[in-house]
C-alpha atoms as a PDB file:
ATOM      1  CA  UNK A   1       4.479   1.456  18.317  1.00  0.00           C
ATOM      2  CA  UNK A   2       6.178  -1.813  17.326  1.00  0.00           C
ATOM      3  CA  UNK A   3       4.853  -3.290  20.793  1.00  0.00           C
ATOM      4  CA  UNK A   4       1.180  -2.133  19.593  1.00  0.00           C
ATOM      5  CA  UNK A   5       2.041  -3.776  16.051  1.00  0.00           C
ATOM      6  CA  UNK A   6       2.781  -7.229  18.077  1.00  0.00           C
ATOM      7  CA  UNK A   7      -0.449  -6.557  19.953  1.00  0.00           C
ATOM      8  CA  UNK A   8      -2.505  -6.321  16.946  1.00  0.00           C
ATOM      9  CA  UNK A   9      -0.881  -9.375  15.434  1.00  0.00           C
ATOM     10  CA  UNK A  10      -1.909 -11.406  18.943  1.00  0.00           C
ATOM     11  CA  UNK A  11      -5.124 -10.075  19.007  1.00  0.00           C
ATOM     12  CA  UNK A  12      -6.190 -10.669  15.514  1.00  0.00           C
ATOM     13  CA  UNK A  13      -6.787 -14.344  16.052  1.00  0.00           C
ATOM     14  CA  UNK A  14      -8.375 -14.001  19.553  1.00  0.00           C
ATOM     15  CA  UNK A  15     -12.033 -13.912  19.716  1.00  0.00           C
ATOM     16  CA  UNK A  16     -14.349 -11.893  19.919  1.00  0.00           C
ATOM     17  CA  UNK A  17     -13.362 -10.898  16.295  1.00  0.00           C
ATOM     18  CA  UNK A  18     -15.281  -7.371  15.547  1.00  0.00           C
ATOM     19  CA  UNK A  19     -16.719  -8.370  12.238  1.00  0.00           C
ATOM     20  CA  UNK A  20     -19.101  -5.592  11.706  1.00  0.00           C
ATOM     21  CA  UNK A  21     -16.371  -3.123  12.473  1.00  0.00           C
ATOM     22  CA  UNK A  22     -14.105  -4.776  10.153  1.00  0.00           C
ATOM     23  CA  UNK A  23     -16.577  -4.943   7.342  1.00  0.00           C
ATOM     24  CA  UNK A  24     -17.607  -1.178   7.674  1.00  0.00           C
ATOM     25  CA  UNK A  25     -14.003  -0.013   7.865  1.00  0.00           C
ATOM     26  CA  UNK A  26     -13.084  -2.339   4.932  1.00  0.00           C
ATOM     27  CA  UNK A  27     -16.037  -0.790   3.111  1.00  0.00           C
ATOM     28  CA  UNK A  28     -15.092   3.055   3.924  1.00  0.00           C
ATOM     29  CA  UNK A  29     -11.283   2.263   3.064  1.00  0.00           C
ATOM     30  CA  UNK A  30     -12.125   0.813  -0.204  1.00  0.00           C
ATOM     31  CA  UNK A  31     -14.746   3.330  -1.163  1.00  0.00           C
ATOM     32  CA  UNK A  32     -12.421   6.442  -0.623  1.00  0.00           C
ATOM     33  CA  UNK A  33      -9.411   4.852  -2.272  1.00  0.00           C
ATOM     34  CA  UNK A  34     -10.224   2.949  -5.090  1.00  0.00           C
ATOM     35  CA  UNK A  35     -10.927   5.801  -7.360  1.00  0.00           C
ATOM     36  CA  UNK A  36      -7.928   8.074  -6.547  1.00  0.00           C
ATOM     37  CA  UNK A  37      -5.846   4.632  -6.761  1.00  0.00           C
ATOM     38  CA  UNK A  38      -6.807   3.794 -10.000  1.00  0.00           C
ATOM     39  CA  UNK A  39      -6.791   7.425 -11.409  1.00  0.00           C
ATOM     40  CA  UNK A  40      -3.060   7.688 -10.014  1.00  0.00           C
ATOM     41  CA  UNK A  41      -1.902   4.261 -11.657  1.00  0.00           C
ATOM     42  CA  UNK A  42      -2.706   5.370 -14.957  1.00  0.00           C
ATOM     43  CA  UNK A  43      -0.465   8.166 -15.237  1.00  0.00           C
ATOM     44  CA  UNK A  44       2.239   6.394 -13.514  1.00  0.00           C
ATOM     45  CA  UNK A  45       2.132   3.359 -15.574  1.00  0.00           C
ATOM     46  CA  UNK A  46       2.161   5.717 -18.661  1.00  0.00           C
ATOM     47  CA  UNK A  47       4.971   7.837 -17.739  1.00  0.00           C
ATOM     48  CA  UNK A  48       7.146   4.693 -16.499  1.00  0.00           C
ATOM     49  CA  UNK A  49       6.374   3.277 -19.966  1.00  0.00           C
ATOM     50  CA  UNK A  50       7.017   6.148 -21.821  1.00  0.00           C
ATOM     51  CA  UNK A  51      10.546   6.769 -19.876  1.00  0.00           C
ATOM     52  CA  UNK A  52      11.813   3.324 -20.277  1.00  0.00           C
ATOM     53  CA  UNK A  53      10.717   3.247 -23.951  1.00  0.00           C
ATOM     54  CA  UNK A  54      12.416   6.029 -24.675  1.00  0.00           C
ATOM     55  CA  UNK A  55      15.954   5.091 -22.709  1.00  0.00           C
ATOM     56  CA  UNK A  56      15.539   1.664 -24.513  1.00  0.00           C
ATOM     57  CA  UNK A  57      15.184   3.272 -27.877  1.00  0.00           C
ATOM     58  CA  UNK A  58      18.455   4.884 -27.510  1.00  0.00           C
ATOM     59  CA  UNK A  59      20.198   1.674 -26.552  1.00  0.00           C
ATOM     60  CA  UNK A  60      18.275  -0.167 -29.447  1.00  0.00           C
ATOM     61  CA  UNK A  61      16.505  -2.263 -26.981  1.00  0.00           C
ATOM     62  CA  UNK A  62      12.937  -1.730 -27.747  1.00  0.00           C
ATOM     63  CA  UNK A  63      11.938  -5.249 -27.529  1.00  0.00           C
ATOM     64  CA  UNK A  64      12.626  -4.981 -23.544  1.00  0.00           C
ATOM     65  CA  UNK A  65      10.336  -1.869 -22.872  1.00  0.00           C
ATOM     66  CA  UNK A  66       7.264  -4.114 -21.716  1.00  0.00           C
ATOM     67  CA  UNK A  67       9.320  -6.212 -19.559  1.00  0.00           C
ATOM     68  CA  UNK A  68      11.130  -3.256 -17.946  1.00  0.00           C
ATOM     69  CA  UNK A  69       7.805  -1.309 -17.518  1.00  0.00           C
ATOM     70  CA  UNK A  70       5.627  -4.037 -16.435  1.00  0.00           C
ATOM     71  CA  UNK A  71       8.018  -5.036 -13.800  1.00  0.00           C
ATOM     72  CA  UNK A  72       8.636  -1.507 -12.346  1.00  0.00           C
ATOM     73  CA  UNK A  73       4.953  -1.485 -12.064  1.00  0.00           C
ATOM     74  CA  UNK A  74       4.468  -4.927 -10.327  1.00  0.00           C
ATOM     75  CA  UNK A  75       7.398  -4.849  -7.802  1.00  0.00           C
ATOM     76  CA  UNK A  76       8.015  -1.236  -7.098  1.00  0.00           C
ATOM     77  CA  UNK A  77       5.039   1.185  -8.206  1.00  0.00           C
ATOM     78  CA  UNK A  78       1.790  -0.509  -7.517  1.00  0.00           C
ATOM     79  CA  UNK A  79       2.672  -1.448  -3.594  1.00  0.00           C
ATOM     80  CA  UNK A  80       3.908   2.081  -3.201  1.00  0.00           C
ATOM     81  CA  UNK A  81       1.169   3.743  -4.611  1.00  0.00           C
ATOM     82  CA  UNK A  82      -1.528   1.610  -2.560  1.00  0.00           C
ATOM     83  CA  UNK A  83       0.519   2.252   0.487  1.00  0.00           C
ATOM     84  CA  UNK A  84       0.670   6.000   0.138  1.00  0.00           C
ATOM     85  CA  UNK A  85      -3.090   6.430  -0.629  1.00  0.00           C
ATOM     86  CA  UNK A  86      -4.062   4.027   1.789  1.00  0.00           C
ATOM     87  CA  UNK A  87      -2.115   6.120   4.658  1.00  0.00           C
ATOM     88  CA  UNK A  88      -2.756   9.351   3.249  1.00  0.00           C
ATOM     89  CA  UNK A  89      -6.636   8.955   2.907  1.00  0.00           C
ATOM     90  CA  UNK A  90      -7.483   6.316   5.202  1.00  0.00           C
ATOM     91  CA  UNK A  91      -4.719   6.302   7.522  1.00  0.00           C
ATOM     92  CA  UNK A  92      -5.195   9.813   8.410  1.00  0.00           C
ATOM     93  CA  UNK A  93      -8.931   9.265   8.985  1.00  0.00           C
ATOM     94  CA  UNK A  94      -8.383   6.269  11.511  1.00  0.00           C
ATOM     95  CA  UNK A  95      -5.743   8.421  13.405  1.00  0.00           C
ATOM     96  CA  UNK A  96      -8.198  11.303  13.765  1.00  0.00           C
ATOM     97  CA  UNK A  97     -11.115   8.901  14.725  1.00  0.00           C
ATOM     98  CA  UNK A  98      -9.084   7.105  17.455  1.00  0.00           C
ATOM     99  CA  UNK A  99      -7.585  10.479  18.374  1.00  0.00           C
ATOM    100  CA  UNK A 100     -10.956  12.023  19.042  1.00  0.00           C
ATOM    101  CA  UNK A 101     -12.081   8.989  21.076  1.00  0.00           C
ATOM    102  CA  UNK A 102      -9.082   9.819  23.058  1.00  0.00           C
ATOM    103  CA  UNK A 103      -9.263  13.249  23.581  1.00  0.00           C
ATOM    104  CA  UNK A 104     -12.865  12.574  24.670  1.00  0.00           C
ATOM    105  CA  UNK A 105     -11.747   9.959  27.266  1.00  0.00           C
ATOM    106  CA  UNK A 106     -14.088   7.123  25.345  1.00  0.00           C
ATOM    107  CA  UNK A 107     -11.153   4.759  25.341  1.00  0.00           C
ATOM    108  CA  UNK A 108     -10.596   5.202  29.071  1.00  0.00           C
ATOM    109  CA  UNK A 109     -14.294   4.600  29.593  1.00  0.00           C
ATOM    110  CA  UNK A 110     -13.825   1.204  27.627  1.00  0.00           C
ATOM    111  CA  UNK A 111     -10.864   0.105  29.735  1.00  0.00           C
ATOM    112  CA  UNK A 112     -13.076   0.799  32.943  1.00  0.00           C
ATOM    113  CA  UNK A 113     -15.849  -1.749  31.444  1.00  0.00           C
ATOM    114  CA  UNK A 114     -13.255  -4.099  31.077  1.00  0.00           C
ATOM    115  CA  UNK A 115     -13.097  -3.815  26.843  1.00  0.00           C
ATOM    116  CA  UNK A 116      -9.711  -3.411  25.197  1.00  0.00           C
ATOM    117  CA  UNK A 117      -9.526  -0.531  22.809  1.00  0.00           C
ATOM    118  CA  UNK A 118      -7.090  -2.309  20.586  1.00  0.00           C
ATOM    119  CA  UNK A 119      -9.051  -5.349  20.083  1.00  0.00           C
ATOM    120  CA  UNK A 120     -12.556  -3.257  19.854  1.00  0.00           C
ATOM    121  CA  UNK A 121     -11.001  -0.298  17.368  1.00  0.00           C
ATOM    122  CA  UNK A 122      -7.374  -1.067  16.287  1.00  0.00           C
ATOM    123  CA  UNK A 123      -7.203  -4.587  15.295  1.00  0.00           C
ATOM    124  CA  UNK A 124     -10.404  -4.241  12.868  1.00  0.00           C
ATOM    125  CA  UNK A 125      -8.852  -0.996  11.330  1.00  0.00           C
ATOM    126  CA  UNK A 126      -5.530  -2.590  10.690  1.00  0.00           C
ATOM    127  CA  UNK A 127      -6.900  -5.362   9.148  1.00  0.00           C
ATOM    128  CA  UNK A 128      -9.095  -3.721   6.836  1.00  0.00           C
ATOM    129  CA  UNK A 129      -5.822  -1.563   5.821  1.00  0.00           C
ATOM    130  CA  UNK A 130      -4.095  -4.910   4.938  1.00  0.00           C
ATOM    131  CA  UNK A 131      -7.091  -6.396   3.115  1.00  0.00           C
ATOM    132  CA  UNK A 132      -7.716  -3.134   1.366  1.00  0.00           C
ATOM    133  CA  UNK A 133      -4.044  -2.664   0.284  1.00  0.00           C
ATOM    134  CA  UNK A 134      -3.770  -6.375  -1.043  1.00  0.00           C
ATOM    135  CA  UNK A 135      -6.998  -5.898  -3.124  1.00  0.00           C
ATOM    136  CA  UNK A 136      -6.132  -2.638  -4.762  1.00  0.00           C
ATOM    137  CA  UNK A 137      -2.551  -3.761  -5.365  1.00  0.00           C
ATOM    138  CA  UNK A 138      -3.790  -6.141  -8.070  1.00  0.00           C
ATOM    139  CA  UNK A 139      -6.123  -3.200  -9.529  1.00  0.00           C
ATOM    140  CA  UNK A 140      -3.093  -0.714  -9.621  1.00  0.00           C
ATOM    141  CA  UNK A 141      -0.909  -3.486 -11.357  1.00  0.00           C
ATOM    142  CA  UNK A 142      -3.513  -4.297 -14.083  1.00  0.00           C
ATOM    143  CA  UNK A 143      -4.442  -0.447 -14.597  1.00  0.00           C
ATOM    144  CA  UNK A 144      -0.866   0.391 -14.572  1.00  0.00           C
ATOM    145  CA  UNK A 145       0.261  -2.397 -17.016  1.00  0.00           C
ATOM    146  CA  UNK A 146      -2.687  -1.547 -19.202  1.00  0.00           C
ATOM    147  CA  UNK A 147      -1.818   2.206 -19.340  1.00  0.00           C
ATOM    148  CA  UNK A 148       1.874   1.759 -19.807  1.00  0.00           C
ATOM    149  CA  UNK A 149       0.966  -0.925 -22.765  1.00  0.00           C
ATOM    150  CA  UNK A 150      -1.600   1.582 -24.490  1.00  0.00           C
ATOM    151  CA  UNK A 151       1.060   4.813 -24.246  1.00  0.00           C
ATOM    152  CA  UNK A 152       3.717   2.548 -25.483  1.00  0.00           C
ATOM    153  CA  UNK A 153       1.987   1.044 -28.532  1.00  0.00           C
ATOM    154  CA  UNK A 154       0.382   4.056 -29.303  1.00  0.00           C
ATOM    155  CA  UNK A 155       2.504   7.222 -28.584  1.00  0.00           C
ATOM    156  CA  UNK A 156       6.073   5.276 -29.358  1.00  0.00           C
ATOM    157  CA  UNK A 157       5.426   3.079 -31.933  1.00  0.00           C
ATOM    158  CA  UNK A 158       6.055   0.029 -30.007  1.00  0.00           C
ATOM    159  CA  UNK A 159       4.397  -3.442 -31.244  1.00  0.00           C
ATOM    160  CA  UNK A 160       2.042  -5.229 -29.256  1.00  0.00           C
ATOM    161  CA  UNK A 161       3.459  -8.397 -29.914  1.00  0.00           C
ATOM    162  CA  UNK A 162       7.120  -7.428 -28.640  1.00  0.00           C
ATOM    163  CA  UNK A 163       5.627  -5.443 -25.694  1.00  0.00           C
ATOM    164  CA  UNK A 164       3.855  -8.606 -24.442  1.00  0.00           C
ATOM    165  CA  UNK A 165       6.612 -11.027 -25.354  1.00  0.00           C
ATOM    166  CA  UNK A 166       9.374  -9.259 -23.626  1.00  0.00           C
ATOM    167  CA  UNK A 167       7.089  -8.900 -20.485  1.00  0.00           C
ATOM    168  CA  UNK A 168       6.450 -13.069 -20.557  1.00  0.00           C
ATOM    169  CA  UNK A 169       9.722 -13.464 -21.362  1.00  0.00           C
ATOM    170  CA  UNK A 170      11.606 -12.088 -18.278  1.00  0.00           C
ATOM    171  CA  UNK A 171       8.526 -11.707 -15.909  1.00  0.00           C
ATOM    172  CA  UNK A 172       8.176 -14.621 -13.175  1.00  0.00           C
ATOM    173  CA  UNK A 173       5.613 -15.515 -10.279  1.00  0.00           C
ATOM    174  CA  UNK A 174       7.773 -14.313  -7.685  1.00  0.00           C
ATOM    175  CA  UNK A 175       7.543 -10.686  -9.158  1.00  0.00           C
ATOM    176  CA  UNK A 176       3.710 -10.928  -8.345  1.00  0.00           C
ATOM    177  CA  UNK A 177       4.414 -12.440  -4.794  1.00  0.00           C
ATOM    178  CA  UNK A 178       6.976  -9.868  -3.641  1.00  0.00           C
ATOM    179  CA  UNK A 179       4.417  -6.941  -4.643  1.00  0.00           C
ATOM    180  CA  UNK A 180       1.590  -8.593  -2.994  1.00  0.00           C
ATOM    181  CA  UNK A 181       3.971  -9.033   0.010  1.00  0.00           C
ATOM    182  CA  UNK A 182       4.891  -5.589  -0.063  1.00  0.00           C
ATOM    183  CA  UNK A 183       1.161  -4.533  -0.159  1.00  0.00           C
ATOM    184  CA  UNK A 184       0.354  -6.899   2.684  1.00  0.00           C
ATOM    185  CA  UNK A 185       3.511  -5.296   5.182  1.00  0.00           C
ATOM    186  CA  UNK A 186       2.751  -1.527   3.907  1.00  0.00           C
ATOM    187  CA  UNK A 187      -0.917  -1.597   4.545  1.00  0.00           C
ATOM    188  CA  UNK A 188      -0.133  -2.928   8.088  1.00  0.00           C
ATOM    189  CA  UNK A 189       2.491  -0.732   8.896  1.00  0.00           C
ATOM    190  CA  UNK A 190      -0.037   2.312   7.701  1.00  0.00           C
ATOM    191  CA  UNK A 191      -2.728   1.020  10.008  1.00  0.00           C
ATOM    192  CA  UNK A 192      -0.576   0.462  13.026  1.00  0.00           C
ATOM    193  CA  UNK A 193       0.872   3.765  12.772  1.00  0.00           C
ATOM    194  CA  UNK A 194      -2.035   5.823  12.109  1.00  0.00           C
ATOM    195  CA  UNK A 195      -3.529   3.826  15.160  1.00  0.00           C
ATOM    196  CA  UNK A 196      -0.297   4.530  17.595  1.00  0.00           C
ATOM    197  CA  UNK A 197      -0.553   8.162  16.981  1.00  0.00           C
ATOM    198  CA  UNK A 198      -4.128   8.270  17.381  1.00  0.00           C
ATOM    199  CA  UNK A 199      -3.930   6.878  20.649  1.00  0.00           C
ATOM    200  CA  UNK A 200      -1.454   9.244  22.136  1.00  0.00           C
ATOM    201  CA  UNK A 201      -2.448  12.655  21.030  1.00  0.00           C
ATOM    202  CA  UNK A 202      -1.324  15.409  23.321  1.00  0.00           C
ATOM    203  CA  UNK A 203      -2.864  18.972  23.514  1.00  0.00           C
ATOM    204  CA  UNK A 204      -6.624  18.506  22.679  1.00  0.00           C
ATOM    205  CA  UNK A 205      -8.131  18.870  19.565  1.00  0.00           C
ATOM    206  CA  UNK A 206      -4.833  20.621  17.981  1.00  0.00           C
ATOM    207  CA  UNK A 207      -2.889  17.542  19.375  1.00  0.00           C
ATOM    208  CA  UNK A 208      -5.188  15.509  17.163  1.00  0.00           C
ATOM    209  CA  UNK A 209      -4.654  17.217  14.056  1.00  0.00           C
ATOM    210  CA  UNK A 210      -0.425  17.272  14.986  1.00  0.00           C
ATOM    211  CA  UNK A 211      -0.659  13.472  15.525  1.00  0.00           C
ATOM    212  CA  UNK A 212      -2.533  13.006  11.933  1.00  0.00           C
ATOM    213  CA  UNK A 213       0.141  15.014  10.211  1.00  0.00           C
ATOM    214  CA  UNK A 214       2.728  13.023  12.294  1.00  0.00           C
ATOM    215  CA  UNK A 215       1.423   9.599  11.303  1.00  0.00           C
ATOM    216  CA  UNK A 216       1.174   9.915   7.536  1.00  0.00           C
ATOM    217  CA  UNK A 217       5.154  11.639   7.687  1.00  0.00           C
ATOM    218  CA  UNK A 218       6.272   8.452   9.806  1.00  0.00           C
ATOM    219  CA  UNK A 219       4.419   5.823   7.545  1.00  0.00           C
ATOM    220  CA  UNK A 220       5.961   7.453   4.153  1.00  0.00           C
ATOM    221  CA  UNK A 221       9.298   7.187   5.846  1.00  0.00           C
ATOM    222  CA  UNK A 222       8.769   3.654   7.186  1.00  0.00           C
ATOM    223  CA  UNK A 223       7.430   2.496   3.522  1.00  0.00           C
ATOM    224  CA  UNK A 224      10.206   3.740   1.791  1.00  0.00           C
ATOM    225  CA  UNK A 225      12.911   2.410   3.860  1.00  0.00           C
ATOM    226  CA  UNK A 226      11.235  -0.980   4.252  1.00  0.00           C
ATOM    227  CA  UNK A 227      10.658  -0.991   0.309  1.00  0.00           C
ATOM    228  CA  UNK A 228      14.398  -0.346   0.149  1.00  0.00           C
ATOM    229  CA  UNK A 229      15.146  -3.342   2.391  1.00  0.00           C
ATOM    230  CA  UNK A 230      12.732  -5.874   0.638  1.00  0.00           C
ATOM    231  CA  UNK A 231      13.896  -5.092  -2.648  1.00  0.00           C
ATOM    232  CA  UNK A 232      17.393  -5.657  -1.933  1.00  0.00           C
ATOM    233  CA  UNK A 233      16.838  -8.790  -0.435  1.00  0.00           C
ATOM    234  CA  UNK A 234      14.468  -9.981  -3.082  1.00  0.00           C
ATOM    235  CA  UNK A 235      17.241  -9.292  -5.853  1.00  0.00           C
ATOM    236  CA  UNK A 236      19.636 -11.080  -3.935  1.00  0.00           C
ATOM    237  CA  UNK A 237      17.495 -14.131  -2.800  1.00  0.00           C
ATOM    238  CA  UNK A 238      15.374 -14.632  -6.380  1.00  0.00           C
ATOM    239  CA  UNK A 239      17.594 -15.065  -9.320  1.00  0.00           C
ATOM    240  CA  UNK A 240      16.247 -13.393 -12.478  1.00  0.00           C
ATOM    241  CA  UNK A 241      14.441 -15.440 -15.109  1.00  0.00           C
ATOM    242  CA  UNK A 242      17.112 -17.051 -17.293  1.00  0.00           C
ATOM    243  CA  UNK A 243      19.956 -16.363 -14.920  1.00  0.00           C
END
């Protein structure tokens, strides 16, 4: 799997690049993930804001509700939501498509004709996952922050000025950068894992269904572990604002 990821990185800059395939996959992934992503980000941002708001009220620190909830959404929730939906919705489809081609021996036929299945099928799909994840991460951040703002102000009696002021006082540009970096890596991992399992099905049509389930589970495990590593490194390397 790691070898396939390295091969995809190398072939991403090699001609000929499958522009048509990339555009088609990008549009497909975006069309099937944009609405679920937006719908999931609203309640997630609201729950985060309500939970953080209730805790800050107990400690008499209501003025920091905006900063805490927004930073959680931007750094943690947004890239994870995007990655899970890209993997669950688009990754499973990619795995099933490549797996079906594999059991029909289409990939072997491509190799006989001198066409690399990785460059023709895998690279455009992985890059499409990365591009969609980057764009959806911005959407989730905006929708999640807006949802948290609305529920904090309307349901918990928070003031709009305090919410915005606390966020602007503690947030910094690296918080956005780390969120985008996570989205990029998570989208790449989702695409590579889906393609890898799709290239190696066993047992005919039943094997294709098995590798689809395996790709989703493996992707979730890798994403959560990688998120822990990136967050730990970021908190050690980038000092908090004002610290």
